[in-house]
Amino acid sequence: MPKFFDQYTTVPSGLSYVGKDEKAVLIREGAPLTIHSISKQPDQFNPGKDRYVLTVELDGEQRGMAFGAGTVFSRDALLESMAEYLTGETAEPVTVKLVQAGRAILIEEAE
């Protein structure tokens, strides 16, 4: 009888996520990134809570970026509104930058 891993094929998880250290560099440099889509999903690391998952383009590569929902009201409102906009037929990707405001990371229009 074959062993489990003799038959199992690893399924890639999809996007490579932008981590805390990369976010710090983006904030420090004021680097622009383009948001293509936003979804609200259960947070696998915080059971019972949700998170916003953004598909962003960074250095020509599609990446994932996540923010906890319910932690920063102004960011939540912006992401909800942007998610609705991005599902529209005439929507274009949105170019933004990350900004540190105390302990929170905010999203602003890139200049």
C-alpha atoms as a PDB file:
ATOM      1  CA  MET A   1       0.000   0.000   0.000  1.00  0.00           C
ATOM      2  CA  PRO A   2       1.434   3.413  -0.979  1.00  0.00           C
ATOM      3  CA  LYS A   3       2.221   5.894   1.751  1.00  0.00           C
ATOM      4  CA  PHE A   4       0.301   9.149   1.959  1.00  0.00           C
ATOM      5  CA  PHE A   5       3.150  11.407   0.802  1.00  0.00           C
ATOM      6  CA  ASP A   6       3.915   9.107  -2.134  1.00  0.00           C
ATOM      7  CA  GLN A   7       0.581  10.203  -3.616  1.00  0.00           C
ATOM      8  CA  TYR A   8       0.123  13.706  -2.218  1.00  0.00           C
ATOM      9  CA  THR A   9       0.916  16.712  -4.372  1.00  0.00           C
ATOM     10  CA  THR A  10       1.455  20.023  -2.600  1.00  0.00           C
ATOM     11  CA  VAL A  11      -1.146  22.584  -3.554  1.00  0.00           C
ATOM     12  CA  PRO A  12       0.338  26.095  -3.655  1.00  0.00           C
ATOM     13  CA  SER A  13      -1.411  28.531  -1.340  1.00  0.00           C
ATOM     14  CA  GLY A  14      -1.621  31.162  -4.036  1.00  0.00           C
ATOM     15  CA  LEU A  15      -0.210  34.592  -3.433  1.00  0.00           C
ATOM     16  CA  SER A  16       2.944  35.352  -1.512  1.00  0.00           C
ATOM     17  CA  TYR A  17       1.957  37.727   1.291  1.00  0.00           C
ATOM     18  CA  VAL A  18       3.631  41.031   2.112  1.00  0.00           C
ATOM     19  CA  GLY A  19       4.888  40.621   5.673  1.00  0.00           C
ATOM     20  CA  LYS A  20       5.456  43.026   8.548  1.00  0.00           C
ATOM     21  CA  ASP A  21       9.060  43.787   7.591  1.00  0.00           C
ATOM     22  CA  GLU A  22       8.140  44.475   3.956  1.00  0.00           C
ATOM     23  CA  LYS A  23       5.279  46.738   5.069  1.00  0.00           C
ATOM     24  CA  ALA A  24       7.774  48.694   7.214  1.00  0.00           C
ATOM     25  CA  VAL A  25       9.973  49.280   4.142  1.00  0.00           C
ATOM     26  CA  LEU A  26       6.968  50.358   2.057  1.00  0.00           C
ATOM     27  CA  ILE A  27       5.981  52.828   4.789  1.00  0.00           C
ATOM     28  CA  ARG A  28       9.508  54.186   5.238  1.00  0.00           C
ATOM     29  CA  GLU A  29      10.037  54.661   1.495  1.00  0.00           C
ATOM     30  CA  GLY A  30       6.498  55.845   0.709  1.00  0.00           C
ATOM     31  CA  ALA A  31       6.535  53.303  -2.114  1.00  0.00           C
ATOM     32  CA  PRO A  32       3.408  53.056  -4.256  1.00  0.00           C
ATOM     33  CA  LEU A  33       1.544  49.800  -4.674  1.00  0.00           C
ATOM     34  CA  THR A  34      -1.479  49.015  -6.792  1.00  0.00           C
ATOM     35  CA  ILE A  35      -4.568  47.337  -5.340  1.00  0.00           C
ATOM     36  CA  HIS A  36      -6.442  45.078  -7.780  1.00  0.00           C
ATOM     37  CA  SER A  37      -9.000  43.450  -5.480  1.00  0.00           C
ATOM     38  CA  ILE A  38     -10.129  43.291  -1.845  1.00  0.00           C
ATOM     39  CA  SER A  39     -12.066  40.599  -0.033  1.00  0.00           C
ATOM     40  CA  LYS A  40     -13.127  40.152   3.576  1.00  0.00           C
ATOM     41  CA  GLN A  41     -12.354  36.686   4.907  1.00  0.00           C
ATOM     42  CA  PRO A  42     -12.240  34.850   8.225  1.00  0.00           C
ATOM     43  CA  ASP A  43      -8.868  35.432   9.865  1.00  0.00           C
ATOM     44  CA  GLN A  44      -7.212  32.044  10.152  1.00  0.00           C
ATOM     45  CA  PHE A  45      -4.818  33.384  12.804  1.00  0.00           C
ATOM     46  CA  ASN A  46      -7.528  35.012  14.963  1.00  0.00           C
ATOM     47  CA  PRO A  47     -10.557  32.704  15.157  1.00  0.00           C
ATOM     48  CA  GLY A  48     -13.864  34.550  15.236  1.00  0.00           C
ATOM     49  CA  LYS A  49     -12.411  37.644  13.571  1.00  0.00           C
ATOM     50  CA  ASP A  50     -12.212  38.775   9.949  1.00  0.00           C
ATOM     51  CA  ARG A  51      -9.453  40.303   7.882  1.00  0.00           C
ATOM     52  CA  TYR A  52      -9.241  42.214   4.634  1.00  0.00           C
ATOM     53  CA  VAL A  53      -7.173  40.449   1.994  1.00  0.00           C
ATOM     54  CA  LEU A  54      -5.856  42.693  -0.751  1.00  0.00           C
ATOM     55  CA  THR A  55      -4.376  41.539  -4.043  1.00  0.00           C
ATOM     56  CA  VAL A  56      -1.671  44.079  -4.790  1.00  0.00           C
ATOM     57  CA  GLU A  57       0.949  44.569  -7.452  1.00  0.00           C
ATOM     58  CA  LEU A  58       4.351  45.222  -5.985  1.00  0.00           C
ATOM     59  CA  ASP A  59       7.472  45.421  -8.145  1.00  0.00           C
ATOM     60  CA  GLY A  60       5.550  43.854 -11.035  1.00  0.00           C
ATOM     61  CA  GLU A  61       4.454  40.837  -8.966  1.00  0.00           C
ATOM     62  CA  GLN A  62       0.952  39.950  -7.692  1.00  0.00           C
ATOM     63  CA  ARG A  63       1.107  39.659  -3.890  1.00  0.00           C
ATOM     64  CA  GLY A  64      -1.306  39.360  -1.008  1.00  0.00           C
ATOM     65  CA  MET A  65      -1.593  41.833   1.849  1.00  0.00           C
ATOM     66  CA  ALA A  66      -3.813  41.440   4.895  1.00  0.00           C
ATOM     67  CA  PHE A  67      -5.179  43.805   7.529  1.00  0.00           C
ATOM     68  CA  GLY A  68      -7.295  42.834  10.523  1.00  0.00           C
ATOM     69  CA  ALA A  69     -10.903  43.995  10.247  1.00  0.00           C
ATOM     70  CA  GLY A  70     -12.358  45.910  13.165  1.00  0.00           C
ATOM     71  CA  THR A  71      -9.038  47.292  14.376  1.00  0.00           C
ATOM     72  CA  VAL A  72      -8.850  50.691  12.604  1.00  0.00           C
ATOM     73  CA  PHE A  73     -12.224  52.217  11.743  1.00  0.00           C
ATOM     74  CA  SER A  74     -10.974  54.651   9.083  1.00  0.00           C
ATOM     75  CA  ARG A  75      -9.009  51.933   7.285  1.00  0.00           C
ATOM     76  CA  ASP A  76     -11.968  49.547   7.439  1.00  0.00           C
ATOM     77  CA  ALA A  77     -14.264  52.181   5.925  1.00  0.00           C
ATOM     78  CA  LEU A  78     -11.771  52.928   3.150  1.00  0.00           C
ATOM     79  CA  LEU A  79     -11.268  49.224   2.341  1.00  0.00           C
ATOM     80  CA  GLU A  80     -15.028  48.519   2.313  1.00  0.00           C
ATOM     81  CA  SER A  81     -15.603  51.415  -0.072  1.00  0.00           C
ATOM     82  CA  MET A  82     -12.609  50.493  -2.250  1.00  0.00           C
ATOM     83  CA  ALA A  83     -13.712  46.832  -2.417  1.00  0.00           C
ATOM     84  CA  GLU A  84     -17.114  47.956  -3.692  1.00  0.00           C
ATOM     85  CA  TYR A  85     -15.480  50.277  -6.241  1.00  0.00           C
ATOM     86  CA  LEU A  86     -13.116  47.563  -7.515  1.00  0.00           C
ATOM     87  CA  THR A  87     -16.030  45.219  -8.298  1.00  0.00           C
ATOM     88  CA  GLY A  88     -17.594  47.772 -10.638  1.00  0.00           C
ATOM     89  CA  GLU A  89     -17.457  47.325 -14.404  1.00  0.00           C
ATOM     90  CA  THR A  90     -15.546  50.550 -14.997  1.00  0.00           C
ATOM     91  CA  ALA A  91     -13.181  50.217 -12.051  1.00  0.00           C
ATOM     92  CA  GLU A  92      -9.467  50.662 -12.464  1.00  0.00           C
ATOM     93  CA  PRO A  93      -6.822  49.411 -10.025  1.00  0.00           C
ATOM     94  CA  VAL A  94      -6.060  51.911  -7.253  1.00  0.00           C
ATOM     95  CA  THR A  95      -2.504  53.067  -6.510  1.00  0.00           C
ATOM     96  CA  VAL A  96      -1.874  53.747  -2.830  1.00  0.00           C
ATOM     97  CA  LYS A  97       0.843  54.049  -0.227  1.00  0.00           C
ATOM     98  CA  LEU A  98       1.013  52.825   3.353  1.00  0.00           C
ATOM     99  CA  VAL A  99       1.396  55.344   6.184  1.00  0.00           C
ATOM    100  CA  GLN A 100       2.202  54.721   9.854  1.00  0.00           C
ATOM    101  CA  ALA A 101      -0.116  56.529  12.288  1.00  0.00           C
ATOM    102  CA  GLY A 102       0.871  55.565  15.800  1.00  0.00           C
ATOM    103  CA  ARG A 103       0.602  51.773  15.905  1.00  0.00           C
ATOM    104  CA  ALA A 104      -1.830  51.658  12.971  1.00  0.00           C
ATOM    105  CA  ILE A 105      -1.031  51.304   9.293  1.00  0.00           C
ATOM    106  CA  LEU A 106      -3.258  53.500   7.147  1.00  0.00           C
ATOM    107  CA  ILE A 107      -3.765  53.529   3.384  1.00  0.00           C
ATOM    108  CA  GLU A 108      -3.583  56.769   1.421  1.00  0.00           C
ATOM    109  CA  GLU A 109      -3.635  57.818  -2.196  1.00  0.00           C
ATOM    110  CA  ALA A 110      -0.169  57.639  -3.751  1.00  0.00           C
ATOM    111  CA  GLU A 111       1.065  60.907  -5.199  1.00  0.00           C
END
